[in-house]
Amino acid sequence: MEQTTRPAITTRPAEPLLFSLHSSQILAVNEQGQPGWKPLPPRLFVQVPPEQPDRSCIVALCGTTGRRYVTHAYEHGSFQLEDGQQLPTVSALGEYFASQHRAMFPAEGAAMLLGVDGSIQEIRPTKGKTFKLEQIYAALSCDYIDVHHPQHGAYQDWILVFDDEGKFKERPINPLATALWYETYPLDHYSPVDVVAGPVLLMKSKMMK
């Protein structure tokens, strides 16, 4: 069996990672006293120290200044991701996203599809060694794409491919791609805040010609 090798990412972020909760829900009690899943407000993120995911907390992010405010209003709920997966605590939420973040780099010759629920799926070109537009459109469920190539930091050999109309369509913020974005463009140095919406393909630039 042919072995695949994954690229080594040696640069670890000094600051906590921020994963969007835009597509997540919290278990809450309604006006009739019945428990049910309730969408979380916009601009909520789980803030995860890379080496201590058990110390995760939920923060509200100011879209203009990039300032983060710890909020305790949601720390007692169970959480449900868009794919139906349920996580009992904020720590479990942080540990899940941190583990997905560590595993999101594809093997050589492949791309990783980053879902809006934090899921990851490795895909390979259907023909040849590079991706054709038709396969990318199908993977992202879109008609037009945008490509971003970080110019510095740990991801400068990578590209993000995503729906060019994702924000216009109000697609959910992508937690893994947006965490990567803030690692490249720290909130303390870049404003206003930007986000990546919808599913994203993470790949080496040579995979798209």
N, C-alpha and C. Protein backbone atom coordinates (compact mmCIF):
# COMPACT_ATOMS: atom_id res chain seq x y z
N MET A 1 0.84 -1.19 0.00
CA MET A 1 0.00 0.00 0.00
C MET A 1 0.88 1.25 0.00
N GLU A 2 0.53 2.20 -0.84
CA GLU A 2 1.33 3.42 -0.93
C GLU A 2 1.11 4.29 0.29
N GLN A 3 2.18 4.74 0.88
CA GLN A 3 2.08 5.59 2.05
C GLN A 3 1.99 7.04 1.64
N THR A 4 1.15 7.78 2.34
CA THR A 4 1.05 9.22 2.11
C THR A 4 1.67 9.95 3.28
N THR A 5 2.30 11.04 2.99
CA THR A 5 2.94 11.83 4.03
C THR A 5 2.22 13.16 4.16
N ARG A 6 2.09 13.61 5.36
CA ARG A 6 1.45 14.90 5.62
C ARG A 6 2.53 15.94 5.88
N PRO A 7 2.30 17.18 5.44
CA PRO A 7 3.30 18.21 5.65
C PRO A 7 3.46 18.55 7.12
N ALA A 8 4.68 18.84 7.50
CA ALA A 8 4.96 19.21 8.88
C ALA A 8 4.75 20.71 9.06
N ILE A 9 3.89 21.07 10.00
CA ILE A 9 3.67 22.48 10.33
C ILE A 9 4.37 22.73 11.65
N THR A 10 5.48 23.44 11.60
CA THR A 10 6.31 23.59 12.78
C THR A 10 5.96 24.85 13.57
N THR A 11 5.32 25.82 12.94
CA THR A 11 5.01 27.07 13.63
C THR A 11 3.72 26.91 14.43
N ARG A 12 3.78 27.08 15.72
CA ARG A 12 2.60 26.99 16.56
C ARG A 12 2.14 28.40 16.91
N PRO A 13 0.84 28.66 16.85
CA PRO A 13 0.36 30.00 17.16
C PRO A 13 0.62 30.36 18.61
N ALA A 14 1.11 31.58 18.83
CA ALA A 14 1.37 32.04 20.19
C ALA A 14 0.07 32.43 20.88
N GLU A 15 -0.90 32.93 20.10
CA GLU A 15 -2.16 33.39 20.67
C GLU A 15 -3.20 32.27 20.61
N PRO A 16 -4.24 32.37 21.44
CA PRO A 16 -5.31 31.36 21.37
C PRO A 16 -5.96 31.33 19.99
N LEU A 17 -6.41 30.17 19.60
CA LEU A 17 -7.14 30.00 18.36
C LEU A 17 -8.58 30.41 18.57
N LEU A 18 -9.20 30.93 17.52
CA LEU A 18 -10.60 31.37 17.59
C LEU A 18 -11.42 30.61 16.56
N PHE A 19 -12.40 29.84 17.03
CA PHE A 19 -13.26 29.06 16.15
C PHE A 19 -14.68 29.60 16.22
N SER A 20 -15.22 29.96 15.07
CA SER A 20 -16.57 30.53 15.02
C SER A 20 -17.62 29.51 15.46
N LEU A 21 -18.63 30.00 16.20
CA LEU A 21 -19.77 29.18 16.59
C LEU A 21 -21.02 29.55 15.80
N HIS A 22 -20.81 30.16 14.64
CA HIS A 22 -21.91 30.69 13.84
C HIS A 22 -22.93 29.62 13.46
N SER A 23 -22.49 28.39 13.21
CA SER A 23 -23.41 27.34 12.80
C SER A 23 -23.76 26.39 13.93
N SER A 24 -23.36 26.72 15.17
CA SER A 24 -23.60 25.85 16.31
C SER A 24 -24.84 26.27 17.09
N GLN A 25 -25.36 25.35 17.89
CA GLN A 25 -26.53 25.62 18.72
C GLN A 25 -26.23 25.25 20.16
N ILE A 26 -27.03 25.81 21.07
CA ILE A 26 -26.88 25.50 22.49
C ILE A 26 -28.19 24.95 23.02
N LEU A 27 -28.12 24.04 23.97
CA LEU A 27 -29.31 23.46 24.57
C LEU A 27 -29.87 24.47 25.58
N ALA A 28 -31.11 24.87 25.37
CA ALA A 28 -31.72 25.90 26.22
C ALA A 28 -33.18 25.51 26.49
N VAL A 29 -33.76 26.16 27.47
CA VAL A 29 -35.16 25.93 27.83
C VAL A 29 -36.00 27.06 27.24
N ASN A 30 -37.09 26.69 26.54
CA ASN A 30 -37.93 27.72 25.92
C ASN A 30 -38.94 28.29 26.92
N GLU A 31 -39.85 29.14 26.43
CA GLU A 31 -40.81 29.80 27.31
C GLU A 31 -41.78 28.82 27.95
N GLN A 32 -41.96 27.68 27.34
CA GLN A 32 -42.84 26.66 27.91
C GLN A 32 -42.11 25.71 28.85
N GLY A 33 -40.83 26.00 29.08
CA GLY A 33 -40.05 25.17 29.99
C GLY A 33 -39.53 23.89 29.38
N GLN A 34 -39.58 23.80 28.03
CA GLN A 34 -39.12 22.60 27.34
C GLN A 34 -37.71 22.81 26.80
N PRO A 35 -36.83 21.83 26.98
CA PRO A 35 -35.48 21.98 26.43
C PRO A 35 -35.47 21.83 24.91
N GLY A 36 -34.59 22.56 24.27
CA GLY A 36 -34.46 22.47 22.82
C GLY A 36 -33.19 23.17 22.36
N TRP A 37 -32.84 22.98 21.10
CA TRP A 37 -31.62 23.56 20.55
C TRP A 37 -31.90 24.96 20.02
N LYS A 38 -31.07 25.90 20.44
CA LYS A 38 -31.26 27.31 20.08
C LYS A 38 -30.00 27.83 19.40
N PRO A 39 -30.15 28.51 18.24
CA PRO A 39 -28.95 29.06 17.58
C PRO A 39 -28.21 30.04 18.48
N LEU A 40 -26.90 29.99 18.43
CA LEU A 40 -26.09 30.94 19.18
C LEU A 40 -26.07 32.28 18.45
N PRO A 41 -25.93 33.37 19.18
CA PRO A 41 -25.87 34.69 18.53
C PRO A 41 -24.66 34.81 17.61
N PRO A 42 -24.72 35.70 16.62
CA PRO A 42 -23.55 35.92 15.75
C PRO A 42 -22.36 36.45 16.54
N ARG A 43 -21.19 36.29 15.95
CA ARG A 43 -19.93 36.82 16.50
C ARG A 43 -19.51 36.16 17.80
N LEU A 44 -19.99 34.94 18.06
CA LEU A 44 -19.48 34.19 19.19
C LEU A 44 -18.43 33.21 18.69
N PHE A 45 -17.33 33.10 19.45
CA PHE A 45 -16.24 32.20 19.10
C PHE A 45 -15.83 31.44 20.34
N VAL A 46 -15.36 30.20 20.15
CA VAL A 46 -14.71 29.51 21.24
C VAL A 46 -13.22 29.79 21.12
N GLN A 47 -12.65 30.33 22.19
CA GLN A 47 -11.23 30.71 22.23
C GLN A 47 -10.45 29.58 22.89
N VAL A 48 -9.48 29.04 22.15
CA VAL A 48 -8.81 27.80 22.57
C VAL A 48 -7.31 28.02 22.67
N PRO A 49 -6.71 27.96 23.88
CA PRO A 49 -5.25 27.95 23.98
C PRO A 49 -4.73 26.68 23.31
N PRO A 50 -3.80 26.80 22.34
CA PRO A 50 -3.37 25.62 21.56
C PRO A 50 -2.91 24.44 22.39
N GLU A 51 -2.21 24.70 23.49
CA GLU A 51 -1.68 23.61 24.30
C GLU A 51 -2.57 23.26 25.49
N GLN A 52 -3.64 24.03 25.70
CA GLN A 52 -4.53 23.79 26.84
C GLN A 52 -5.99 23.94 26.42
N PRO A 53 -6.48 23.07 25.53
CA PRO A 53 -7.86 23.21 25.06
C PRO A 53 -8.89 23.06 26.18
N ASP A 54 -8.51 22.42 27.31
CA ASP A 54 -9.43 22.29 28.43
C ASP A 54 -9.70 23.64 29.10
N ARG A 55 -8.92 24.66 28.75
CA ARG A 55 -9.13 26.01 29.30
C ARG A 55 -9.83 26.91 28.30
N SER A 56 -10.57 26.32 27.39
CA SER A 56 -11.30 27.09 26.39
C SER A 56 -12.40 27.92 27.05
N CYS A 57 -12.75 29.01 26.39
CA CYS A 57 -13.85 29.85 26.85
C CYS A 57 -14.56 30.44 25.63
N ILE A 58 -15.75 30.95 25.85
CA ILE A 58 -16.51 31.56 24.76
C ILE A 58 -16.33 33.08 24.83
N VAL A 59 -16.04 33.68 23.68
CA VAL A 59 -15.84 35.12 23.61
C VAL A 59 -16.75 35.72 22.56
N ALA A 60 -17.14 36.97 22.80
CA ALA A 60 -17.85 37.76 21.79
C ALA A 60 -16.80 38.63 21.10
N LEU A 61 -16.85 38.66 19.78
CA LEU A 61 -15.83 39.35 18.99
C LEU A 61 -16.43 40.62 18.38
N CYS A 62 -15.80 41.75 18.62
CA CYS A 62 -16.23 43.00 18.01
C CYS A 62 -15.76 43.03 16.56
N GLY A 63 -16.71 43.16 15.63
CA GLY A 63 -16.37 43.11 14.21
C GLY A 63 -15.61 44.31 13.71
N THR A 64 -15.59 45.39 14.47
CA THR A 64 -14.90 46.60 14.04
C THR A 64 -13.48 46.67 14.58
N THR A 65 -13.33 46.42 15.87
CA THR A 65 -12.02 46.59 16.51
C THR A 65 -11.25 45.28 16.68
N GLY A 66 -11.93 44.15 16.63
CA GLY A 66 -11.26 42.88 16.86
C GLY A 66 -11.10 42.54 18.34
N ARG A 67 -11.64 43.37 19.22
CA ARG A 67 -11.53 43.07 20.65
C ARG A 67 -12.42 41.89 21.01
N ARG A 68 -11.94 41.08 21.96
CA ARG A 68 -12.67 39.92 22.42
C ARG A 68 -13.12 40.12 23.86
N TYR A 69 -14.36 39.71 24.12
CA TYR A 69 -14.94 39.86 25.46
C TYR A 69 -15.41 38.49 25.93
N VAL A 70 -14.84 38.02 27.02
CA VAL A 70 -15.25 36.73 27.56
C VAL A 70 -16.69 36.85 28.05
N THR A 71 -17.52 35.88 27.67
CA THR A 71 -18.90 35.84 28.14
C THR A 71 -19.17 34.51 28.84
N HIS A 72 -19.84 34.59 29.98
CA HIS A 72 -20.16 33.37 30.74
C HIS A 72 -21.60 32.93 30.52
N ALA A 73 -22.32 33.62 29.64
CA ALA A 73 -23.74 33.34 29.46
C ALA A 73 -24.01 31.98 28.83
N TYR A 74 -23.02 31.42 28.15
CA TYR A 74 -23.26 30.18 27.40
C TYR A 74 -22.40 29.02 27.90
N GLU A 75 -21.74 29.18 29.04
CA GLU A 75 -20.77 28.17 29.44
C GLU A 75 -21.40 26.93 30.08
N HIS A 76 -22.72 26.96 30.35
CA HIS A 76 -23.35 25.82 31.02
C HIS A 76 -24.14 24.93 30.07
N GLY A 77 -24.17 25.28 28.80
CA GLY A 77 -25.00 24.50 27.89
C GLY A 77 -24.25 23.36 27.23
N SER A 78 -25.03 22.39 26.77
CA SER A 78 -24.48 21.45 25.80
C SER A 78 -24.55 22.11 24.43
N PHE A 79 -23.70 21.66 23.51
CA PHE A 79 -23.61 22.30 22.20
C PHE A 79 -23.84 21.27 21.10
N GLN A 80 -24.44 21.74 20.02
CA GLN A 80 -24.67 20.89 18.87
C GLN A 80 -24.12 21.55 17.61
N LEU A 81 -23.29 20.82 16.88
CA LEU A 81 -22.75 21.32 15.63
C LEU A 81 -23.74 21.09 14.50
N GLU A 82 -23.47 21.68 13.35
CA GLU A 82 -24.42 21.60 12.25
C GLU A 82 -24.64 20.17 11.78
N ASP A 83 -23.64 19.31 11.94
CA ASP A 83 -23.79 17.92 11.50
C ASP A 83 -24.53 17.06 12.52
N GLY A 84 -24.98 17.67 13.63
CA GLY A 84 -25.73 16.94 14.65
C GLY A 84 -24.89 16.44 15.80
N GLN A 85 -23.56 16.54 15.68
CA GLN A 85 -22.69 16.10 16.78
C GLN A 85 -22.91 16.97 18.01
N GLN A 86 -23.01 16.34 19.18
CA GLN A 86 -23.26 17.05 20.42
C GLN A 86 -22.06 16.97 21.34
N LEU A 87 -21.72 18.11 21.94
CA LEU A 87 -20.57 18.20 22.83
C LEU A 87 -21.07 18.80 24.15
N PRO A 88 -20.73 18.19 25.28
CA PRO A 88 -21.38 18.55 26.54
C PRO A 88 -20.90 19.84 27.19
N THR A 89 -19.67 20.27 26.92
CA THR A 89 -19.10 21.42 27.63
C THR A 89 -18.31 22.32 26.68
N VAL A 90 -17.99 23.50 27.16
CA VAL A 90 -17.13 24.40 26.39
C VAL A 90 -15.75 23.77 26.18
N SER A 91 -15.24 23.09 27.20
CA SER A 91 -13.94 22.42 27.06
C SER A 91 -13.97 21.37 25.97
N ALA A 92 -15.04 20.59 25.92
CA ALA A 92 -15.17 19.56 24.89
C ALA A 92 -15.26 20.20 23.51
N LEU A 93 -15.95 21.33 23.43
CA LEU A 93 -16.06 22.08 22.18
C LEU A 93 -14.68 22.54 21.72
N GLY A 94 -13.91 23.11 22.65
CA GLY A 94 -12.57 23.57 22.32
C GLY A 94 -11.65 22.44 21.92
N GLU A 95 -11.72 21.31 22.64
CA GLU A 95 -10.86 20.17 22.32
C GLU A 95 -11.20 19.60 20.95
N TYR A 96 -12.49 19.59 20.59
CA TYR A 96 -12.88 19.09 19.27
C TYR A 96 -12.29 19.96 18.17
N PHE A 97 -12.50 21.26 18.25
CA PHE A 97 -12.00 22.14 17.20
C PHE A 97 -10.48 22.13 17.14
N ALA A 98 -9.82 22.07 18.30
CA ALA A 98 -8.35 22.03 18.31
C ALA A 98 -7.83 20.76 17.64
N SER A 99 -8.49 19.63 17.87
CA SER A 99 -8.05 18.38 17.24
C SER A 99 -8.28 18.42 15.74
N GLN A 100 -9.40 19.03 15.30
CA GLN A 100 -9.67 19.16 13.88
C GLN A 100 -8.64 20.09 13.22
N HIS A 101 -8.27 21.14 13.93
CA HIS A 101 -7.27 22.09 13.44
C HIS A 101 -5.93 21.39 13.22
N ARG A 102 -5.54 20.52 14.15
CA ARG A 102 -4.27 19.80 14.02
C ARG A 102 -4.30 18.83 12.84
N ALA A 103 -5.48 18.34 12.49
CA ALA A 103 -5.60 17.31 11.45
C ALA A 103 -6.03 17.88 10.09
N MET A 104 -6.11 19.20 9.95
CA MET A 104 -6.73 19.76 8.75
C MET A 104 -5.79 19.87 7.55
N PHE A 105 -4.51 19.52 7.71
CA PHE A 105 -3.58 19.62 6.59
C PHE A 105 -3.58 18.33 5.79
N PRO A 106 -3.88 18.39 4.50
CA PRO A 106 -4.01 17.18 3.69
C PRO A 106 -2.67 16.53 3.38
N ALA A 107 -2.73 15.29 2.97
CA ALA A 107 -1.54 14.58 2.50
C ALA A 107 -1.09 15.17 1.18
N GLU A 108 0.13 14.89 0.79
CA GLU A 108 0.67 15.36 -0.48
C GLU A 108 -0.23 14.90 -1.62
N GLY A 109 -0.55 15.81 -2.52
CA GLY A 109 -1.38 15.47 -3.67
C GLY A 109 -2.86 15.54 -3.42
N ALA A 110 -3.26 16.08 -2.26
CA ALA A 110 -4.68 16.16 -1.91
C ALA A 110 -5.00 17.55 -1.38
N ALA A 111 -6.30 17.81 -1.23
CA ALA A 111 -6.80 19.01 -0.59
C ALA A 111 -7.69 18.59 0.56
N MET A 112 -7.89 19.49 1.52
CA MET A 112 -8.79 19.18 2.63
C MET A 112 -10.00 20.11 2.54
N LEU A 113 -11.18 19.49 2.56
CA LEU A 113 -12.42 20.25 2.57
C LEU A 113 -12.77 20.54 4.02
N LEU A 114 -12.80 21.83 4.38
CA LEU A 114 -13.11 22.26 5.74
C LEU A 114 -14.59 22.64 5.79
N GLY A 115 -15.38 21.89 6.55
CA GLY A 115 -16.82 22.14 6.62
C GLY A 115 -17.17 23.22 7.63
N VAL A 116 -18.38 23.77 7.52
CA VAL A 116 -18.81 24.83 8.44
C VAL A 116 -19.11 24.28 9.83
N ASP A 117 -19.14 22.96 9.99
CA ASP A 117 -19.33 22.35 11.30
C ASP A 117 -18.01 21.93 11.93
N GLY A 118 -16.89 22.28 11.29
CA GLY A 118 -15.58 21.88 11.79
C GLY A 118 -15.13 20.53 11.27
N SER A 119 -15.90 19.93 10.38
CA SER A 119 -15.53 18.64 9.81
C SER A 119 -14.41 18.81 8.79
N ILE A 120 -13.68 17.72 8.53
CA ILE A 120 -12.63 17.73 7.53
C ILE A 120 -12.78 16.50 6.64
N GLN A 121 -12.52 16.69 5.35
CA GLN A 121 -12.61 15.58 4.40
C GLN A 121 -11.53 15.76 3.34
N GLU A 122 -10.66 14.79 3.23
CA GLU A 122 -9.59 14.86 2.24
C GLU A 122 -10.12 14.45 0.87
N ILE A 123 -9.81 15.24 -0.15
CA ILE A 123 -10.24 14.92 -1.51
C ILE A 123 -9.03 15.04 -2.44
N ARG A 124 -9.11 14.30 -3.53
CA ARG A 124 -8.03 14.29 -4.53
C ARG A 124 -8.59 14.64 -5.90
N PRO A 125 -7.74 15.14 -6.78
CA PRO A 125 -8.22 15.45 -8.13
C PRO A 125 -8.78 14.20 -8.81
N THR A 126 -9.90 14.38 -9.51
CA THR A 126 -10.50 13.24 -10.21
C THR A 126 -9.70 12.87 -11.46
N LYS A 127 -9.02 13.86 -12.04
CA LYS A 127 -8.19 13.61 -13.21
C LYS A 127 -6.87 14.36 -13.07
N GLY A 128 -5.78 13.68 -13.30
CA GLY A 128 -4.48 14.34 -13.24
C GLY A 128 -4.06 14.66 -11.81
N LYS A 129 -3.16 15.62 -11.70
CA LYS A 129 -2.58 15.96 -10.41
C LYS A 129 -3.06 17.30 -9.87
N THR A 130 -3.91 18.00 -10.62
CA THR A 130 -4.42 19.28 -10.16
C THR A 130 -5.94 19.30 -10.26
N PHE A 131 -6.55 20.21 -9.50
CA PHE A 131 -8.01 20.29 -9.46
C PHE A 131 -8.53 21.14 -10.63
N LYS A 132 -9.58 20.63 -11.26
CA LYS A 132 -10.29 21.39 -12.28
C LYS A 132 -11.44 22.15 -11.64
N LEU A 133 -11.86 23.23 -12.29
CA LEU A 133 -12.88 24.09 -11.71
C LEU A 133 -14.17 23.33 -11.42
N GLU A 134 -14.56 22.42 -12.29
CA GLU A 134 -15.81 21.70 -12.10
C GLU A 134 -15.82 20.92 -10.79
N GLN A 135 -14.70 20.29 -10.45
CA GLN A 135 -14.62 19.55 -9.20
C GLN A 135 -14.66 20.49 -8.00
N ILE A 136 -14.02 21.64 -8.12
CA ILE A 136 -14.02 22.61 -7.02
C ILE A 136 -15.42 23.17 -6.81
N TYR A 137 -16.11 23.54 -7.91
CA TYR A 137 -17.49 24.05 -7.78
C TYR A 137 -18.37 23.03 -7.06
N ALA A 138 -18.23 21.76 -7.43
CA ALA A 138 -19.06 20.72 -6.83
C ALA A 138 -18.73 20.54 -5.35
N ALA A 139 -17.44 20.55 -5.00
CA ALA A 139 -17.03 20.35 -3.61
C ALA A 139 -17.52 21.47 -2.70
N LEU A 140 -17.54 22.70 -3.24
CA LEU A 140 -17.92 23.88 -2.44
C LEU A 140 -19.38 24.26 -2.62
N SER A 141 -20.09 23.56 -3.51
CA SER A 141 -21.50 23.88 -3.80
C SER A 141 -21.66 25.35 -4.16
N CYS A 142 -20.89 25.79 -5.15
CA CYS A 142 -20.93 27.19 -5.55
C CYS A 142 -20.77 27.33 -7.05
N ASP A 143 -20.98 28.56 -7.54
CA ASP A 143 -20.85 28.86 -8.96
C ASP A 143 -19.61 29.68 -9.28
N TYR A 144 -19.08 30.38 -8.27
CA TYR A 144 -17.90 31.21 -8.45
C TYR A 144 -16.99 31.00 -7.25
N ILE A 145 -15.69 31.05 -7.48
CA ILE A 145 -14.75 30.84 -6.38
C ILE A 145 -13.85 32.06 -6.19
N ASP A 146 -13.32 32.16 -5.00
CA ASP A 146 -12.28 33.13 -4.68
C ASP A 146 -11.10 32.34 -4.13
N VAL A 147 -9.90 32.81 -4.39
CA VAL A 147 -8.69 32.13 -3.93
C VAL A 147 -7.86 33.13 -3.13
N HIS A 148 -7.53 32.75 -1.92
CA HIS A 148 -6.66 33.61 -1.11
C HIS A 148 -5.35 32.90 -0.82
N HIS A 149 -4.25 33.60 -1.05
CA HIS A 149 -2.92 33.06 -0.84
C HIS A 149 -2.23 33.90 0.24
N PRO A 150 -2.15 33.41 1.49
CA PRO A 150 -1.47 34.17 2.54
C PRO A 150 -0.05 34.53 2.14
N GLN A 151 0.31 35.78 2.37
CA GLN A 151 1.62 36.26 1.95
C GLN A 151 2.70 36.13 3.03
N HIS A 152 2.32 35.71 4.21
CA HIS A 152 3.30 35.56 5.29
C HIS A 152 2.77 34.56 6.30
N GLY A 153 3.59 34.20 7.25
CA GLY A 153 3.18 33.28 8.30
C GLY A 153 3.31 31.83 7.91
N ALA A 154 2.73 30.97 8.74
CA ALA A 154 2.89 29.52 8.58
C ALA A 154 2.16 28.97 7.36
N TYR A 155 1.27 29.76 6.76
CA TYR A 155 0.43 29.25 5.68
C TYR A 155 0.76 29.85 4.32
N GLN A 156 1.94 30.43 4.16
CA GLN A 156 2.24 31.11 2.91
C GLN A 156 2.46 30.16 1.74
N ASP A 157 2.59 28.86 1.99
CA ASP A 157 2.67 27.88 0.91
C ASP A 157 1.31 27.28 0.57
N TRP A 158 0.26 27.78 1.22
CA TRP A 158 -1.08 27.22 1.06
C TRP A 158 -2.02 28.24 0.43
N ILE A 159 -3.14 27.73 -0.08
CA ILE A 159 -4.20 28.62 -0.55
C ILE A 159 -5.52 28.18 0.06
N LEU A 160 -6.41 29.15 0.23
CA LEU A 160 -7.79 28.89 0.63
C LEU A 160 -8.68 29.15 -0.57
N VAL A 161 -9.50 28.18 -0.93
CA VAL A 161 -10.42 28.32 -2.05
C VAL A 161 -11.83 28.24 -1.48
N PHE A 162 -12.66 29.25 -1.77
CA PHE A 162 -13.98 29.30 -1.15
C PHE A 162 -14.99 29.97 -2.07
N ASP A 163 -16.24 29.92 -1.69
CA ASP A 163 -17.35 30.50 -2.45
C ASP A 163 -17.20 32.01 -2.49
N ASP A 164 -17.07 32.57 -3.68
CA ASP A 164 -16.92 34.01 -3.82
C ASP A 164 -18.15 34.76 -3.34
N GLU A 165 -19.31 34.09 -3.35
CA GLU A 165 -20.56 34.71 -2.93
C GLU A 165 -21.00 34.24 -1.54
N GLY A 166 -20.07 33.63 -0.80
CA GLY A 166 -20.43 33.04 0.48
C GLY A 166 -21.04 34.03 1.47
N LYS A 167 -20.45 35.21 1.58
CA LYS A 167 -20.98 36.21 2.52
C LYS A 167 -22.30 36.77 2.01
N PHE A 168 -22.41 36.99 0.71
CA PHE A 168 -23.65 37.50 0.12
C PHE A 168 -24.79 36.51 0.36
N LYS A 169 -24.49 35.22 0.28
CA LYS A 169 -25.50 34.18 0.51
C LYS A 169 -25.74 33.94 2.00
N GLU A 170 -24.97 34.61 2.86
CA GLU A 170 -25.06 34.45 4.31
C GLU A 170 -24.78 33.00 4.73
N ARG A 171 -23.79 32.40 4.07
CA ARG A 171 -23.37 31.07 4.48
C ARG A 171 -22.67 31.15 5.83
N PRO A 172 -22.73 30.11 6.65
CA PRO A 172 -22.12 30.16 7.98
C PRO A 172 -20.62 30.43 7.92
N ILE A 173 -20.11 31.08 8.94
CA ILE A 173 -18.68 31.33 9.05
C ILE A 173 -17.97 29.99 9.26
N ASN A 174 -16.89 29.77 8.55
CA ASN A 174 -16.15 28.52 8.64
C ASN A 174 -15.20 28.57 9.83
N PRO A 175 -15.37 27.69 10.83
CA PRO A 175 -14.55 27.80 12.05
C PRO A 175 -13.07 27.52 11.82
N LEU A 176 -12.72 26.48 11.09
CA LEU A 176 -11.31 26.14 10.89
C LEU A 176 -10.62 27.16 10.00
N ALA A 177 -11.27 27.56 8.90
CA ALA A 177 -10.67 28.52 7.99
C ALA A 177 -10.50 29.88 8.63
N THR A 178 -11.46 30.28 9.46
CA THR A 178 -11.37 31.59 10.10
C THR A 178 -10.30 31.59 11.19
N ALA A 179 -10.15 30.45 11.91
CA ALA A 179 -9.05 30.35 12.88
C ALA A 179 -7.71 30.49 12.17
N LEU A 180 -7.57 29.84 11.02
CA LEU A 180 -6.36 29.96 10.21
C LEU A 180 -6.16 31.41 9.77
N TRP A 181 -7.24 32.07 9.37
CA TRP A 181 -7.18 33.46 8.93
C TRP A 181 -6.63 34.37 10.03
N TYR A 182 -7.13 34.17 11.26
CA TYR A 182 -6.68 35.02 12.37
C TYR A 182 -5.25 34.70 12.81
N GLU A 183 -4.79 33.49 12.55
CA GLU A 183 -3.38 33.19 12.79
C GLU A 183 -2.50 33.97 11.83
N THR A 184 -2.98 34.13 10.59
CA THR A 184 -2.22 34.84 9.56
C THR A 184 -2.35 36.35 9.72
N TYR A 185 -3.56 36.79 10.07
CA TYR A 185 -3.87 38.22 10.20
C TYR A 185 -4.40 38.47 11.61
N PRO A 186 -3.50 38.59 12.59
CA PRO A 186 -3.92 38.71 14.00
C PRO A 186 -4.88 39.87 14.21
N LEU A 187 -5.87 39.64 15.06
CA LEU A 187 -6.92 40.63 15.29
C LEU A 187 -6.37 41.92 15.89
N ASP A 188 -5.26 41.82 16.61
CA ASP A 188 -4.69 43.02 17.23
C ASP A 188 -4.00 43.93 16.22
N HIS A 189 -3.81 43.45 14.98
CA HIS A 189 -3.08 44.23 14.00
C HIS A 189 -3.88 44.51 12.73
N TYR A 190 -5.00 43.81 12.55
CA TYR A 190 -5.80 43.98 11.33
C TYR A 190 -7.25 44.28 11.71
N SER A 191 -7.80 45.36 11.15
CA SER A 191 -9.20 45.70 11.37
C SER A 191 -9.71 46.42 10.11
N PRO A 192 -11.02 46.38 9.83
CA PRO A 192 -12.02 45.63 10.59
C PRO A 192 -11.85 44.13 10.43
N VAL A 193 -12.57 43.38 11.24
CA VAL A 193 -12.45 41.93 11.26
C VAL A 193 -13.04 41.34 9.99
N ASP A 194 -12.36 40.35 9.44
CA ASP A 194 -12.88 39.63 8.28
C ASP A 194 -13.12 38.18 8.69
N VAL A 195 -13.97 37.50 7.92
CA VAL A 195 -14.26 36.09 8.18
C VAL A 195 -14.32 35.35 6.84
N VAL A 196 -14.27 34.03 6.91
CA VAL A 196 -14.40 33.19 5.73
C VAL A 196 -15.72 32.43 5.84
N ALA A 197 -16.59 32.56 4.84
CA ALA A 197 -17.93 31.98 4.92
C ALA A 197 -18.06 30.77 4.00
N GLY A 198 -18.76 29.76 4.47
CA GLY A 198 -19.01 28.57 3.68
C GLY A 198 -17.88 27.57 3.75
N PRO A 199 -18.03 26.42 3.10
CA PRO A 199 -16.96 25.42 3.06
C PRO A 199 -15.73 25.95 2.34
N VAL A 200 -14.57 25.42 2.70
CA VAL A 200 -13.30 25.91 2.17
C VAL A 200 -12.42 24.73 1.80
N LEU A 201 -11.70 24.88 0.70
CA LEU A 201 -10.67 23.90 0.33
C LEU A 201 -9.31 24.46 0.70
N LEU A 202 -8.56 23.71 1.48
CA LEU A 202 -7.19 24.07 1.87
C LEU A 202 -6.25 23.17 1.08
N MET A 203 -5.34 23.79 0.33
CA MET A 203 -4.43 22.99 -0.50
C MET A 203 -3.16 23.78 -0.79
N LYS A 204 -2.14 23.09 -1.26
CA LYS A 204 -0.95 23.75 -1.75
C LYS A 204 -1.30 24.44 -3.08
N SER A 205 -0.68 25.58 -3.31
CA SER A 205 -1.00 26.36 -4.52
C SER A 205 -0.78 25.57 -5.81
N LYS A 206 0.20 24.64 -5.79
CA LYS A 206 0.50 23.87 -6.99
C LYS A 206 -0.63 22.92 -7.38
N MET A 207 -1.59 22.69 -6.44
CA MET A 207 -2.70 21.78 -6.74
C MET A 207 -3.78 22.41 -7.61
N MET A 208 -3.65 23.73 -7.83
CA MET A 208 -4.64 24.43 -8.64
C MET A 208 -3.91 25.21 -9.72
N LYS A 209 -4.03 24.77 -10.95
CA LYS A 209 -3.32 25.41 -12.06
C LYS A 209 -4.32 26.01 -13.04
